PDB file of N, CA and C in Angstrom:
ATOM      1  N   UNK A   1     204.180  24.893 154.356  1.00  0.00           N
ATOM      2  CA  UNK A   1     204.019  25.372 155.703  1.00  0.00           C
ATOM      3  C   UNK A   1     203.308  26.719 155.616  1.00  0.00           C
ATOM      4  N   UNK A   2     202.193  26.856 156.308  1.00  0.00           N
ATOM      5  CA  UNK A   2     201.449  28.103 156.289  1.00  0.00           C
ATOM      6  C   UNK A   2     201.299  28.656 157.698  1.00  0.00           C
ATOM      7  N   UNK A   3     201.505  29.951 157.856  1.00  0.00           N
ATOM      8  CA  UNK A   3     201.245  30.614 159.117  1.00  0.00           C
ATOM      9  C   UNK A   3     199.916  31.340 158.962  1.00  0.00           C
ATOM     10  N   UNK A   4     198.857  30.756 159.486  1.00  0.00           N
ATOM     11  CA  UNK A   4     197.489  31.219 159.240  1.00  0.00           C
ATOM     12  C   UNK A   4     197.165  32.595 159.810  1.00  0.00           C
ATOM     13  N   UNK A   5     197.871  33.070 160.810  1.00  0.00           N
ATOM     14  CA  UNK A   5     197.512  34.336 161.455  1.00  0.00           C
ATOM     15  C   UNK A   5     198.246  35.533 160.873  1.00  0.00           C
ATOM     16  N   UNK A   6     199.048  35.299 159.873  1.00  0.00           N
ATOM     17  CA  UNK A   6     199.781  36.392 159.237  1.00  0.00           C
ATOM     18  C   UNK A   6     199.168  36.699 157.889  1.00  0.00           C
ATOM     19  N   UNK A   7     199.321  37.933 157.444  1.00  0.00           N
ATOM     20  CA  UNK A   7     198.841  38.311 156.107  1.00  0.00           C
ATOM     21  C   UNK A   7     199.663  37.597 155.034  1.00  0.00           C
ATOM     22  N   UNK A   8     200.974  37.566 155.212  1.00  0.00           N
ATOM     23  CA  UNK A   8     201.850  36.859 154.276  1.00  0.00           C
ATOM     24  C   UNK A   8     202.011  35.421 154.742  1.00  0.00           C
ATOM     25  N   UNK A   9     202.151  34.539 153.780  1.00  0.00           N
ATOM     26  CA  UNK A   9     202.303  33.120 154.045  1.00  0.00           C
ATOM     27  C   UNK A   9     203.674  32.678 153.540  1.00  0.00           C
ATOM     28  N   UNK A  10     204.104  31.528 154.004  1.00  0.00           N
ATOM     29  CA  UNK A  10     205.396  30.999 153.593  1.00  0.00           C
ATOM     30  C   UNK A  10     205.174  29.671 152.899  1.00  0.00           C
ATOM     31  N   UNK A  11     205.736  29.527 151.717  1.00  0.00           N
ATOM     32  CA  UNK A  11     205.720  28.235 151.032  1.00  0.00           C
ATOM     33  C   UNK A  11     207.170  27.788 150.933  1.00  0.00           C
ATOM     34  N   UNK A  12     207.415  26.533 151.227  1.00  0.00           N
ATOM     35  CA  UNK A  12     208.770  25.987 151.184  1.00  0.00           C
ATOM     36  C   UNK A  12     208.867  25.012 150.023  1.00  0.00           C
ATOM     37  N   UNK A  13     209.719  25.328 149.059  1.00  0.00           N
ATOM     38  CA  UNK A  13     209.962  24.437 147.928  1.00  0.00           C
ATOM     39  C   UNK A  13     211.147  23.552 148.273  1.00  0.00           C
ATOM     40  N   UNK A  14     210.930  22.237 148.250  1.00  0.00           N
ATOM     41  CA  UNK A  14     211.986  21.287 148.591  1.00  0.00           C
ATOM     42  C   UNK A  14     212.533  20.673 147.316  1.00  0.00           C
ATOM     43  N   UNK A  15     213.834  20.575 147.268  1.00  0.00           N
ATOM     44  CA  UNK A  15     214.520  19.983 146.131  1.00  0.00           C
ATOM     45  C   UNK A  15     214.140  18.508 146.004  1.00  0.00           C
ATOM     46  N   UNK A  16     213.719  18.121 144.817  1.00  0.00           N
ATOM     47  CA  UNK A  16     213.350  16.730 144.563  1.00  0.00           C
ATOM     48  C   UNK A  16     214.620  15.876 144.592  1.00  0.00           C
ATOM     49  N   UNK A  17     214.619  14.895 145.463  1.00  0.00           N
ATOM     50  CA  UNK A  17     215.783  14.025 145.581  1.00  0.00           C
ATOM     51  C   UNK A  17     216.974  14.679 146.255  1.00  0.00           C
ATOM     52  N   UNK A  18     216.749  15.799 146.919  1.00  0.00           N
ATOM     53  CA  UNK A  18     217.841  16.521 147.567  1.00  0.00           C
ATOM     54  C   UNK A  18     217.417  17.043 148.927  1.00  0.00           C
ATOM     55  N   UNK A  19     218.266  17.854 149.500  1.00  0.00           N
ATOM     56  CA  UNK A  19     218.034  18.363 150.853  1.00  0.00           C
ATOM     57  C   UNK A  19     217.715  19.857 150.900  1.00  0.00           C
ATOM     58  N   UNK A  20     217.961  20.561 149.811  1.00  0.00           N
ATOM     59  CA  UNK A  20     217.809  22.017 149.841  1.00  0.00           C
ATOM     60  C   UNK A  20     216.335  22.422 149.849  1.00  0.00           C
ATOM     61  N   UNK A  21     216.067  23.494 150.593  1.00  0.00           N
ATOM     62  CA  UNK A  21     214.713  24.042 150.698  1.00  0.00           C
ATOM     63  C   UNK A  21     214.791  25.534 150.424  1.00  0.00           C
ATOM     64  N   UNK A  22     213.829  26.023 149.637  1.00  0.00           N
ATOM     65  CA  UNK A  22     213.762  27.446 149.338  1.00  0.00           C
ATOM     66  C   UNK A  22     212.439  27.993 149.851  1.00  0.00           C
ATOM     67  N   UNK A  23     212.468  28.784 150.932  1.00  0.00           N
ATOM     68  CA  UNK A  23     211.223  29.395 151.425  1.00  0.00           C
ATOM     69  C   UNK A  23     210.920  30.675 150.650  1.00  0.00           C
ATOM     70  N   UNK A  24     209.650  30.830 150.280  1.00  0.00           N
ATOM     71  CA  UNK A  24     209.207  32.022 149.563  1.00  0.00           C
ATOM     72  C   UNK A  24     207.972  32.566 150.267  1.00  0.00           C
ATOM     73  N   UNK A  25     207.987  33.861 150.565  1.00  0.00           N
ATOM     74  CA  UNK A  25     206.826  34.514 151.169  1.00  0.00           C
ATOM     75  C   UNK A  25     205.839  34.839 150.058  1.00  0.00           C
ATOM     76  N   UNK A  26     204.578  34.435 150.259  1.00  0.00           N
ATOM     77  CA  UNK A  26     203.533  34.692 149.272  1.00  0.00           C
ATOM     78  C   UNK A  26     202.312  35.268 149.983  1.00  0.00           C
ATOM     79  N   UNK A  27     201.395  35.797 149.216  1.00  0.00           N
ATOM     80  CA  UNK A  27     200.183  36.386 149.775  1.00  0.00           C
ATOM     81  C   UNK A  27     199.194  35.331 150.254  1.00  0.00           C
ATOM     82  N   UNK A  28     198.294  35.747 151.099  1.00  0.00           N
ATOM     83  CA  UNK A  28     197.287  34.856 151.668  1.00  0.00           C
ATOM     84  C   UNK A  28     196.389  34.240 150.598  1.00  0.00           C
ATOM     85  N   UNK A  29     195.947  35.039 149.617  1.00  0.00           N
ATOM     86  CA  UNK A  29     195.065  34.515 148.564  1.00  0.00           C
ATOM     87  C   UNK A  29     195.747  33.423 147.751  1.00  0.00           C
ATOM     88  N   UNK A  30     197.000  33.646 147.374  1.00  0.00           N
ATOM     89  CA  UNK A  30     197.727  32.660 146.584  1.00  0.00           C
ATOM     90  C   UNK A  30     197.992  31.398 147.407  1.00  0.00           C
ATOM     91  N   UNK A  31     198.333  31.586 148.680  1.00  0.00           N
ATOM     92  CA  UNK A  31     198.553  30.433 149.560  1.00  0.00           C
ATOM     93  C   UNK A  31     197.277  29.608 149.688  1.00  0.00           C
ATOM     94  N   UNK A  32     196.158  30.284 149.817  1.00  0.00           N
ATOM     95  CA  UNK A  32     194.867  29.589 149.911  1.00  0.00           C
ATOM     96  C   UNK A  32     194.563  28.827 148.623  1.00  0.00           C
ATOM     97  N   UNK A  33     194.847  29.444 147.471  1.00  0.00           N
ATOM     98  CA  UNK A  33     194.599  28.793 146.182  1.00  0.00           C
ATOM     99  C   UNK A  33     195.439  27.529 146.035  1.00  0.00           C
ATOM    100  N   UNK A  34     196.672  27.580 146.474  1.00  0.00           N
ATOM    101  CA  UNK A  34     197.559  26.420 146.411  1.00  0.00           C
ATOM    102  C   UNK A  34     197.083  25.341 147.382  1.00  0.00           C
ATOM    103  N   UNK A  35     196.798  25.756 148.602  1.00  0.00           N
ATOM    104  CA  UNK A  35     196.374  24.812 149.643  1.00  0.00           C
ATOM    105  C   UNK A  35     195.056  24.114 149.269  1.00  0.00           C
ATOM    106  N   UNK A  36     194.092  24.860 148.743  1.00  0.00           N
ATOM    107  CA  UNK A  36     192.811  24.269 148.353  1.00  0.00           C
ATOM    108  C   UNK A  36     193.001  23.216 147.269  1.00  0.00           C
ATOM    109  N   UNK A  37     193.821  23.510 146.269  1.00  0.00           N
ATOM    110  CA  UNK A  37     194.034  22.567 145.167  1.00  0.00           C
ATOM    111  C   UNK A  37     194.759  21.312 145.654  1.00  0.00           C
ATOM    112  N   UNK A  38     195.788  21.501 146.459  1.00  0.00           N
ATOM    113  CA  UNK A  38     196.542  20.352 146.977  1.00  0.00           C
ATOM    114  C   UNK A  38     195.656  19.462 147.840  1.00  0.00           C
ATOM    115  N   UNK A  39     194.747  20.075 148.596  1.00  0.00           N
ATOM    116  CA  UNK A  39     193.868  19.297 149.479  1.00  0.00           C
ATOM    117  C   UNK A  39     192.717  18.631 148.727  1.00  0.00           C
ATOM    118  N   UNK A  40     192.554  18.973 147.428  1.00  0.00           N
ATOM    119  CA  UNK A  40     191.511  18.349 146.629  1.00  0.00           C
ATOM    120  C   UNK A  40     190.159  19.038 146.711  1.00  0.00           C
ATOM    121  N   UNK A  41     190.103  20.192 147.363  1.00  0.00           N
ATOM    122  CA  UNK A  41     188.843  20.920 147.496  1.00  0.00           C
ATOM    123  C   UNK A  41     188.507  21.639 146.192  1.00  0.00           C
ATOM    124  N   UNK A  42     187.258  21.515 145.748  1.00  0.00           N
ATOM    125  CA  UNK A  42     186.796  22.224 144.552  1.00  0.00           C
ATOM    126  C   UNK A  42     185.717  23.228 144.972  1.00  0.00           C
ATOM    127  N   UNK A  43     186.005  24.526 144.833  1.00  0.00           N
ATOM    128  CA  UNK A  43     185.011  25.529 145.218  1.00  0.00           C
ATOM    129  C   UNK A  43     183.802  25.502 144.269  1.00  0.00           C
ATOM    130  N   UNK A  44     182.679  25.991 144.742  1.00  0.00           N
ATOM    131  CA  UNK A  44     181.460  26.019 143.940  1.00  0.00           C
ATOM    132  C   UNK A  44     181.649  26.859 142.671  1.00  0.00           C
ATOM    133  N   UNK A  45     182.390  27.934 142.778  1.00  0.00           N
ATOM    134  CA  UNK A  45     182.691  28.808 141.641  1.00  0.00           C
ATOM    135  C   UNK A  45     184.208  28.852 141.477  1.00  0.00           C
ATOM    136  N   UNK A  46     184.692  28.967 140.251  1.00  0.00           N
ATOM    137  CA  UNK A  46     186.147  28.952 140.049  1.00  0.00           C
ATOM    138  C   UNK A  46     186.831  30.178 140.649  1.00  0.00           C
ATOM    139  N   UNK A  47     187.931  29.930 141.307  1.00  0.00           N
ATOM    140  CA  UNK A  47     188.780  31.011 141.802  1.00  0.00           C
ATOM    141  C   UNK A  47     189.660  31.482 140.639  1.00  0.00           C
ATOM    142  N   UNK A  48     190.389  32.551 140.840  1.00  0.00           N
ATOM    143  CA  UNK A  48     191.182  33.152 139.768  1.00  0.00           C
ATOM    144  C   UNK A  48     192.114  32.144 139.094  1.00  0.00           C
ATOM    145  N   UNK A  49     192.829  31.352 139.879  1.00  0.00           N
ATOM    146  CA  UNK A  49     193.772  30.398 139.286  1.00  0.00           C
ATOM    147  C   UNK A  49     193.041  29.260 138.578  1.00  0.00           C
ATOM    148  N   UNK A  50     191.848  28.920 139.054  1.00  0.00           N
ATOM    149  CA  UNK A  50     191.032  27.922 138.356  1.00  0.00           C
ATOM    150  C   UNK A  50     190.566  28.474 137.019  1.00  0.00           C
ATOM    151  N   UNK A  51     190.210  29.751 137.004  1.00  0.00           N
ATOM    152  CA  UNK A  51     189.799  30.411 135.762  1.00  0.00           C
ATOM    153  C   UNK A  51     190.966  30.430 134.769  1.00  0.00           C
ATOM    154  N   UNK A  52     192.147  30.784 135.252  1.00  0.00           N
ATOM    155  CA  UNK A  52     193.323  30.797 134.380  1.00  0.00           C
ATOM    156  C   UNK A  52     193.595  29.395 133.828  1.00  0.00           C
ATOM    157  N   UNK A  53     193.445  28.394 134.670  1.00  0.00           N
ATOM    158  CA  UNK A  53     193.613  27.004 134.242  1.00  0.00           C
ATOM    159  C   UNK A  53     192.626  26.677 133.119  1.00  0.00           C
ATOM    160  N   UNK A  54     191.368  27.049 133.299  1.00  0.00           N
ATOM    161  CA  UNK A  54     190.336  26.777 132.295  1.00  0.00           C
ATOM    162  C   UNK A  54     190.618  27.501 130.981  1.00  0.00           C
ATOM    163  N   UNK A  55     191.044  28.745 131.066  1.00  0.00           N
ATOM    164  CA  UNK A  55     191.348  29.517 129.857  1.00  0.00           C
ATOM    165  C   UNK A  55     192.483  28.860 129.081  1.00  0.00           C
ATOM    166  N   UNK A  56     193.554  28.519 129.765  1.00  0.00           N
ATOM    167  CA  UNK A  56     194.706  27.893 129.101  1.00  0.00           C
ATOM    168  C   UNK A  56     194.284  26.558 128.482  1.00  0.00           C
ATOM    169  N   UNK A  57     193.499  25.767 129.216  1.00  0.00           N
ATOM    170  CA  UNK A  57     193.003  24.486 128.695  1.00  0.00           C
ATOM    171  C   UNK A  57     192.121  24.674 127.471  1.00  0.00           C
ATOM    172  N   UNK A  58     191.199  25.640 127.535  1.00  0.00           N
ATOM    173  CA  UNK A  58     190.290  25.875 126.411  1.00  0.00           C
ATOM    174  C   UNK A  58     191.045  26.337 125.168  1.00  0.00           C
ATOM    175  N   UNK A  59     192.166  26.969 125.362  1.00  0.00           N
ATOM    176  CA  UNK A  59     193.007  27.381 124.239  1.00  0.00           C
ATOM    177  C   UNK A  59     193.913  26.238 123.770  1.00  0.00           C
ATOM    178  N   UNK A  60     193.703  25.062 124.379  1.00  0.00           N
ATOM    179  CA  UNK A  60     194.455  23.840 124.073  1.00  0.00           C
ATOM    180  C   UNK A  60     195.953  24.007 124.299  1.00  0.00           C
ATOM    181  N   UNK A  61     196.297  24.809 125.270  1.00  0.00           N
ATOM    182  CA  UNK A  61     197.688  24.996 125.673  1.00  0.00           C
ATOM    183  C   UNK A  61     197.871  24.316 127.026  1.00  0.00           C
ATOM    184  N   UNK A  62     199.104  24.299 127.500  1.00  0.00           N
ATOM    185  CA  UNK A  62     199.377  23.715 128.800  1.00  0.00           C
ATOM    186  C   UNK A  62     200.570  24.425 129.445  1.00  0.00           C
ATOM    187  N   UNK A  63     200.628  24.399 130.757  1.00  0.00           N
ATOM    188  CA  UNK A  63     201.795  24.923 131.463  1.00  0.00           C
ATOM    189  C   UNK A  63     202.826  23.801 131.493  1.00  0.00           C
ATOM    190  N   UNK A  64     203.947  24.027 130.828  1.00  0.00           N
ATOM    191  CA  UNK A  64     205.022  23.042 130.756  1.00  0.00           C
ATOM    192  C   UNK A  64     205.843  23.013 132.034  1.00  0.00           C
ATOM    193  N   UNK A  65     206.135  24.219 132.554  1.00  0.00           N
ATOM    194  CA  UNK A  65     206.950  24.319 133.760  1.00  0.00           C
ATOM    195  C   UNK A  65     206.918  25.741 134.277  1.00  0.00           C
ATOM    196  N   UNK A  66     207.359  25.865 135.510  1.00  0.00           N
ATOM    197  CA  UNK A  66     207.557  27.158 136.148  1.00  0.00           C
ATOM    198  C   UNK A  66     209.036  27.232 136.501  1.00  0.00           C
ATOM    199  N   UNK A  67     209.648  28.376 136.247  1.00  0.00           N
ATOM    200  CA  UNK A  67     211.058  28.557 136.582  1.00  0.00           C
ATOM    201  C   UNK A  67     211.191  29.803 137.460  1.00  0.00           C
ATOM    202  N   UNK A  68     211.646  29.606 138.670  1.00  0.00           N
ATOM    203  CA  UNK A  68     211.962  30.736 139.550  1.00  0.00           C
ATOM    204  C   UNK A  68     213.384  31.121 139.181  1.00  0.00           C
ATOM    205  N   UNK A  69     213.513  32.308 138.582  1.00  0.00           N
ATOM    206  CA  UNK A  69     214.765  32.622 137.901  1.00  0.00           C
ATOM    207  C   UNK A  69     215.506  33.854 138.387  1.00  0.00           C
ATOM    208  N   UNK A  70     214.945  34.558 139.354  1.00  0.00           N
ATOM    209  CA  UNK A  70     215.624  35.773 139.806  1.00  0.00           C
ATOM    210  C   UNK A  70     215.260  36.074 141.252  1.00  0.00           C
ATOM    211  N   UNK A  71     216.242  36.573 141.988  1.00  0.00           N
ATOM    212  CA  UNK A  71     216.048  37.052 143.357  1.00  0.00           C
ATOM    213  C   UNK A  71     216.709  38.410 143.434  1.00  0.00           C
ATOM    214  N   UNK A  72     215.876  39.428 143.652  1.00  0.00           N
ATOM    215  CA  UNK A  72     216.366  40.800 143.670  1.00  0.00           C
ATOM    216  C   UNK A  72     215.729  41.542 144.834  1.00  0.00           C
ATOM    217  N   UNK A  73     216.558  42.066 145.733  1.00  0.00           N
ATOM    218  CA  UNK A  73     216.081  42.799 146.901  1.00  0.00           C
ATOM    219  C   UNK A  73     215.010  42.010 147.661  1.00  0.00           C
ATOM    220  N   UNK A  74     215.311  40.744 147.923  1.00  0.00           N
ATOM    221  CA  UNK A  74     214.439  39.824 148.666  1.00  0.00           C
ATOM    222  C   UNK A  74     213.110  39.528 147.955  1.00  0.00           C
ATOM    223  N   UNK A  75     213.039  39.798 146.664  1.00  0.00           N
ATOM    224  CA  UNK A  75     211.842  39.489 145.887  1.00  0.00           C
ATOM    225  C   UNK A  75     212.201  38.451 144.832  1.00  0.00           C
ATOM    226  N   UNK A  76     211.417  37.375 144.811  1.00  0.00           N
ATOM    227  CA  UNK A  76     211.616  36.326 143.814  1.00  0.00           C
ATOM    228  C   UNK A  76     210.823  36.666 142.554  1.00  0.00           C
ATOM    229  N   UNK A  77     211.358  36.244 141.413  1.00  0.00           N
ATOM    230  CA  UNK A  77     210.713  36.415 140.120  1.00  0.00           C
ATOM    231  C   UNK A  77     210.603  35.046 139.467  1.00  0.00           C
ATOM    232  N   UNK A  78     209.579  34.871 138.626  1.00  0.00           N
ATOM    233  CA  UNK A  78     209.382  33.579 137.980  1.00  0.00           C
ATOM    234  C   UNK A  78     208.957  33.745 136.536  1.00  0.00           C
ATOM    235  N   UNK A  79     209.108  32.663 135.806  1.00  0.00           N
ATOM    236  CA  UNK A  79     208.632  32.583 134.428  1.00  0.00           C
ATOM    237  C   UNK A  79     207.687  31.390 134.336  1.00  0.00           C
ATOM    238  N   UNK A  80     206.597  31.608 133.645  1.00  0.00           N
ATOM    239  CA  UNK A  80     205.611  30.577 133.370  1.00  0.00           C
ATOM    240  C   UNK A  80     205.853  30.158 131.923  1.00  0.00           C
ATOM    241  N   UNK A  81     206.143  28.886 131.693  1.00  0.00           N
ATOM    242  CA  UNK A  81     206.408  28.410 130.339  1.00  0.00           C
ATOM    243  C   UNK A  81     205.172  27.657 129.861  1.00  0.00           C
ATOM    244  N   UNK A  82     204.537  28.212 128.821  1.00  0.00           N
ATOM    245  CA  UNK A  82     203.297  27.648 128.288  1.00  0.00           C
ATOM    246  C   UNK A  82     203.570  27.076 126.901  1.00  0.00           C
ATOM    247  N   UNK A  83     203.069  25.855 126.688  1.00  0.00           N
ATOM    248  CA  UNK A  83     203.192  25.214 125.376  1.00  0.00           C
ATOM    249  C   UNK A  83     201.889  25.401 124.616  1.00  0.00           C
ATOM    250  N   UNK A  84     201.987  25.988 123.435  1.00  0.00           N
ATOM    251  CA  UNK A  84     200.809  26.250 122.608  1.00  0.00           C
ATOM    252  C   UNK A  84     200.394  24.972 121.876  1.00  0.00           C
ATOM    253  N   UNK A  85     199.188  24.963 121.305  1.00  0.00           N
ATOM    254  CA  UNK A  85     198.752  23.787 120.547  1.00  0.00           C
ATOM    255  C   UNK A  85     199.698  23.425 119.392  1.00  0.00           C
ATOM    256  N   UNK A  86     200.367  24.413 118.834  1.00  0.00           N
ATOM    257  CA  UNK A  86     201.319  24.176 117.747  1.00  0.00           C
ATOM    258  C   UNK A  86     202.683  23.711 118.222  1.00  0.00           C
ATOM    259  N   UNK A  87     202.869  23.644 119.542  1.00  0.00           N
ATOM    260  CA  UNK A  87     204.140  23.173 120.098  1.00  0.00           C
ATOM    261  C   UNK A  87     205.121  24.259 120.468  1.00  0.00           C
ATOM    262  N   UNK A  88     204.789  25.508 120.187  1.00  0.00           N
ATOM    263  CA  UNK A  88     205.685  26.612 120.545  1.00  0.00           C
ATOM    264  C   UNK A  88     205.659  26.840 122.055  1.00  0.00           C
ATOM    265  N   UNK A  89     206.803  27.198 122.592  1.00  0.00           N
ATOM    266  CA  UNK A  89     206.891  27.525 124.012  1.00  0.00           C
ATOM    267  C   UNK A  89     206.880  29.036 124.175  1.00  0.00           C
ATOM    268  N   UNK A  90     205.986  29.518 125.014  1.00  0.00           N
ATOM    269  CA  UNK A  90     205.873  30.948 125.305  1.00  0.00           C
ATOM    270  C   UNK A  90     206.264  31.150 126.763  1.00  0.00           C
ATOM    271  N   UNK A  91     207.145  32.100 127.007  1.00  0.00           N
ATOM    272  CA  UNK A  91     207.603  32.386 128.368  1.00  0.00           C
ATOM    273  C   UNK A  91     206.966  33.688 128.830  1.00  0.00           C
ATOM    274  N   UNK A  92     206.302  33.604 129.974  1.00  0.00           N
ATOM    275  CA  UNK A  92     205.560  34.751 130.498  1.00  0.00           C
ATOM    276  C   UNK A  92     206.077  35.083 131.892  1.00  0.00           C
ATOM    277  N   UNK A  93     206.385  36.357 132.097  1.00  0.00           N
ATOM    278  CA  UNK A  93     206.812  36.830 133.410  1.00  0.00           C
ATOM    279  C   UNK A  93     205.634  36.738 134.374  1.00  0.00           C
ATOM    280  N   UNK A  94     205.862  36.194 135.555  1.00  0.00           N
ATOM    281  CA  UNK A  94     204.778  36.024 136.527  1.00  0.00           C
ATOM    282  C   UNK A  94     205.343  36.000 137.942  1.00  0.00           C
ATOM    283  N   UNK A  95     204.479  36.257 138.900  1.00  0.00           N
ATOM    284  CA  UNK A  95     204.894  36.132 140.297  1.00  0.00           C
ATOM    285  C   UNK A  95     205.049  34.646 140.620  1.00  0.00           C
ATOM    286  N   UNK A  96     206.017  34.298 141.461  1.00  0.00           N
ATOM    287  CA  UNK A  96     206.167  32.888 141.834  1.00  0.00           C
ATOM    288  C   UNK A  96     204.890  32.294 142.432  1.00  0.00           C
ATOM    289  N   UNK A  97     204.174  33.061 143.229  1.00  0.00           N
ATOM    290  CA  UNK A  97     202.968  32.531 143.876  1.00  0.00           C
ATOM    291  C   UNK A  97     201.906  32.148 142.857  1.00  0.00           C
ATOM    292  N   UNK A  98     201.664  33.002 141.864  1.00  0.00           N
ATOM    293  CA  UNK A  98     200.695  32.682 140.815  1.00  0.00           C
ATOM    294  C   UNK A  98     201.189  31.508 139.975  1.00  0.00           C
ATOM    295  N   UNK A  99     202.473  31.497 139.687  1.00  0.00           N
ATOM    296  CA  UNK A  99     203.059  30.422 138.891  1.00  0.00           C
ATOM    297  C   UNK A  99     202.932  29.077 139.596  1.00  0.00           C
ATOM    298  N   UNK A 100     203.190  29.054 140.886  1.00  0.00           N
ATOM    299  CA  UNK A 100     203.076  27.816 141.660  1.00  0.00           C
ATOM    300  C   UNK A 100     201.626  27.355 141.705  1.00  0.00           C
ATOM    301  N   UNK A 101     200.697  28.296 141.889  1.00  0.00           N
ATOM    302  CA  UNK A 101     199.270  27.941 141.914  1.00  0.00           C
ATOM    303  C   UNK A 101     198.848  27.307 140.591  1.00  0.00           C
ATOM    304  N   UNK A 102     199.368  27.791 139.477  1.00  0.00           N
ATOM    305  CA  UNK A 102     199.057  27.186 138.177  1.00  0.00           C
ATOM    306  C   UNK A 102     199.796  25.861 137.986  1.00  0.00           C
ATOM    307  N   UNK A 103     201.039  25.788 138.421  1.00  0.00           N
ATOM    308  CA  UNK A 103     201.806  24.541 138.296  1.00  0.00           C
ATOM    309  C   UNK A 103     201.107  23.403 139.025  1.00  0.00           C
ATOM    310  N   UNK A 104     200.553  23.692 140.184  1.00  0.00           N
ATOM    311  CA  UNK A 104     199.824  22.677 140.955  1.00  0.00           C
ATOM    312  C   UNK A 104     198.626  22.176 140.148  1.00  0.00           C
ATOM    313  N   UNK A 105     197.938  23.062 139.485  1.00  0.00           N
ATOM    314  CA  UNK A 105     196.754  22.692 138.695  1.00  0.00           C
ATOM    315  C   UNK A 105     197.115  21.902 137.436  1.00  0.00           C
ATOM    316  N   UNK A 106     198.260  22.204 136.841  1.00  0.00           N
ATOM    317  CA  UNK A 106     198.685  21.519 135.623  1.00  0.00           C
ATOM    318  C   UNK A 106     199.632  20.350 135.905  1.00  0.00           C
ATOM    319  N   UNK A 107     199.956  20.128 137.155  1.00  0.00           N
ATOM    320  CA  UNK A 107     200.936  19.092 137.535  1.00  0.00           C
ATOM    321  C   UNK A 107     202.263  19.326 136.811  1.00  0.00           C
ATOM    322  N   UNK A 108     202.629  20.588 136.717  1.00  0.00           N
ATOM    323  CA  UNK A 108     203.862  20.989 136.031  1.00  0.00           C
ATOM    324  C   UNK A 108     205.011  21.110 137.028  1.00  0.00           C
ATOM    325  N   UNK A 109     206.221  20.823 136.589  1.00  0.00           N
ATOM    326  CA  UNK A 109     207.367  20.958 137.499  1.00  0.00           C
ATOM    327  C   UNK A 109     207.647  22.417 137.849  1.00  0.00           C
ATOM    328  N   UNK A 110     208.130  22.620 139.066  1.00  0.00           N
ATOM    329  CA  UNK A 110     208.539  23.939 139.542  1.00  0.00           C
ATOM    330  C   UNK A 110     210.053  23.874 139.697  1.00  0.00           C
ATOM    331  N   UNK A 111     210.747  24.634 138.886  1.00  0.00           N
ATOM    332  CA  UNK A 111     212.208  24.620 138.871  1.00  0.00           C
ATOM    333  C   UNK A 111     212.745  25.922 139.450  1.00  0.00           C
ATOM    334  N   UNK A 112     213.920  25.816 140.056  1.00  0.00           N
ATOM    335  CA  UNK A 112     214.585  27.002 140.600  1.00  0.00           C
ATOM    336  C   UNK A 112     216.002  27.028 140.036  1.00  0.00           C
ATOM    337  N   UNK A 113     216.368  28.143 139.446  1.00  0.00           N
ATOM    338  CA  UNK A 113     217.727  28.295 138.924  1.00  0.00           C
ATOM    339  C   UNK A 113     218.733  28.098 140.060  1.00  0.00           C
ATOM    340  N   UNK A 114     219.827  27.398 139.768  1.00  0.00           N
ATOM    341  CA  UNK A 114     220.857  27.145 140.784  1.00  0.00           C
ATOM    342  C   UNK A 114     221.376  28.432 141.420  1.00  0.00           C
ATOM    343  N   UNK A 115     221.513  29.467 140.614  1.00  0.00           N
ATOM    344  CA  UNK A 115     222.023  30.747 141.121  1.00  0.00           C
ATOM    345  C   UNK A 115     221.113  31.308 142.225  1.00  0.00           C
ATOM    346  N   UNK A 116     219.820  31.078 142.115  1.00  0.00           N
ATOM    347  CA  UNK A 116     218.869  31.561 143.127  1.00  0.00           C
ATOM    348  C   UNK A 116     219.092  30.812 144.438  1.00  0.00           C
ATOM    349  N   UNK A 117     219.273  29.504 144.346  1.00  0.00           N
ATOM    350  CA  UNK A 117     219.538  28.692 145.546  1.00  0.00           C
ATOM    351  C   UNK A 117     220.839  29.164 146.194  1.00  0.00           C
ATOM    352  N   UNK A 118     221.866  29.387 145.390  1.00  0.00           N
ATOM    353  CA  UNK A 118     223.155  29.834 145.912  1.00  0.00           C
ATOM    354  C   UNK A 118     223.029  31.204 146.584  1.00  0.00           C
ATOM    355  N   UNK A 119     222.297  32.129 145.938  1.00  0.00           N
ATOM    356  CA  UNK A 119     222.086  33.455 146.527  1.00  0.00           C
ATOM    357  C   UNK A 119     221.379  33.334 147.870  1.00  0.00           C
ATOM    358  N   UNK A 120     220.358  32.497 147.920  1.00  0.00           N
ATOM    359  CA  UNK A 120     219.586  32.318 149.145  1.00  0.00           C
ATOM    360  C   UNK A 120     220.447  31.698 150.241  1.00  0.00           C
ATOM    361  N   UNK A 121     221.244  30.692 149.907  1.00  0.00           N
ATOM    362  CA  UNK A 121     222.120  30.043 150.890  1.00  0.00           C
ATOM    363  C   UNK A 121     223.161  31.023 151.413  1.00  0.00           C
ATOM    364  N   UNK A 122     223.755  31.812 150.521  1.00  0.00           N
ATOM    365  CA  UNK A 122     224.754  32.799 150.915  1.00  0.00           C
ATOM    366  C   UNK A 122     224.137  33.830 151.852  1.00  0.00           C
ATOM    367  N   UNK A 123     222.941  34.318 151.522  1.00  0.00           N
ATOM    368  CA  UNK A 123     222.251  35.303 152.349  1.00  0.00           C
ATOM    369  C   UNK A 123     221.993  34.737 153.743  1.00  0.00           C
ATOM    370  N   UNK A 124     221.566  33.496 153.840  1.00  0.00           N
ATOM    371  CA  UNK A 124     221.242  32.887 155.131  1.00  0.00           C
ATOM    372  C   UNK A 124     222.487  32.546 155.943  1.00  0.00           C
ATOM    373  N   UNK A 125     223.614  32.285 155.292  1.00  0.00           N
ATOM    374  CA  UNK A 125     224.862  32.020 156.014  1.00  0.00           C
ATOM    375  C   UNK A 125     225.377  33.290 156.689  1.00  0.00           C
ATOM    376  N   UNK A 126     225.078  34.447 156.089  1.00  0.00           N
ATOM    377  CA  UNK A 126     225.557  35.718 156.619  1.00  0.00           C
ATOM    378  C   UNK A 126     224.778  36.138 157.863  1.00  0.00           C
ATOM    379  N   UNK A 127     223.591  35.581 158.069  1.00  0.00           N
ATOM    380  CA  UNK A 127     222.795  35.932 159.243  1.00  0.00           C
ATOM    381  C   UNK A 127     223.306  35.176 160.462  1.00  0.00           C
ATOM    382  N   UNK A 128     223.299  35.820 161.632  1.00  0.00           N
ATOM    383  CA  UNK A 128     223.784  35.128 162.839  1.00  0.00           C
ATOM    384  C   UNK A 128     222.826  34.050 163.292  1.00  0.00           C
TER     385      UNK A 128
END
């Protein structure tokens, strides 16, 4: 879900096979990068996330998964898990928006720690 007239955009991650939804506010550029890839549009020149995709591919690595692992002061944090050609897994701190944009390009799963879902649900229950 995107609100086109706002600087910040909202992406809603829905639990696979479940009912829970986690909304995350992301920047306009990242939202556009995600939306363009999902819609199948290929720009004439690579955008930043396309460049990152190409670099990782050329290094014969792949994005294994994205894990949204922390919520602190209404800010989400994520880890990008990259598998090297030798099979080693490297975990890189990244913004959820950039991580999601790369996950879409690599068809990698986007996971959310249960504690984050619980924190978000608790926060929303406290609101009137």
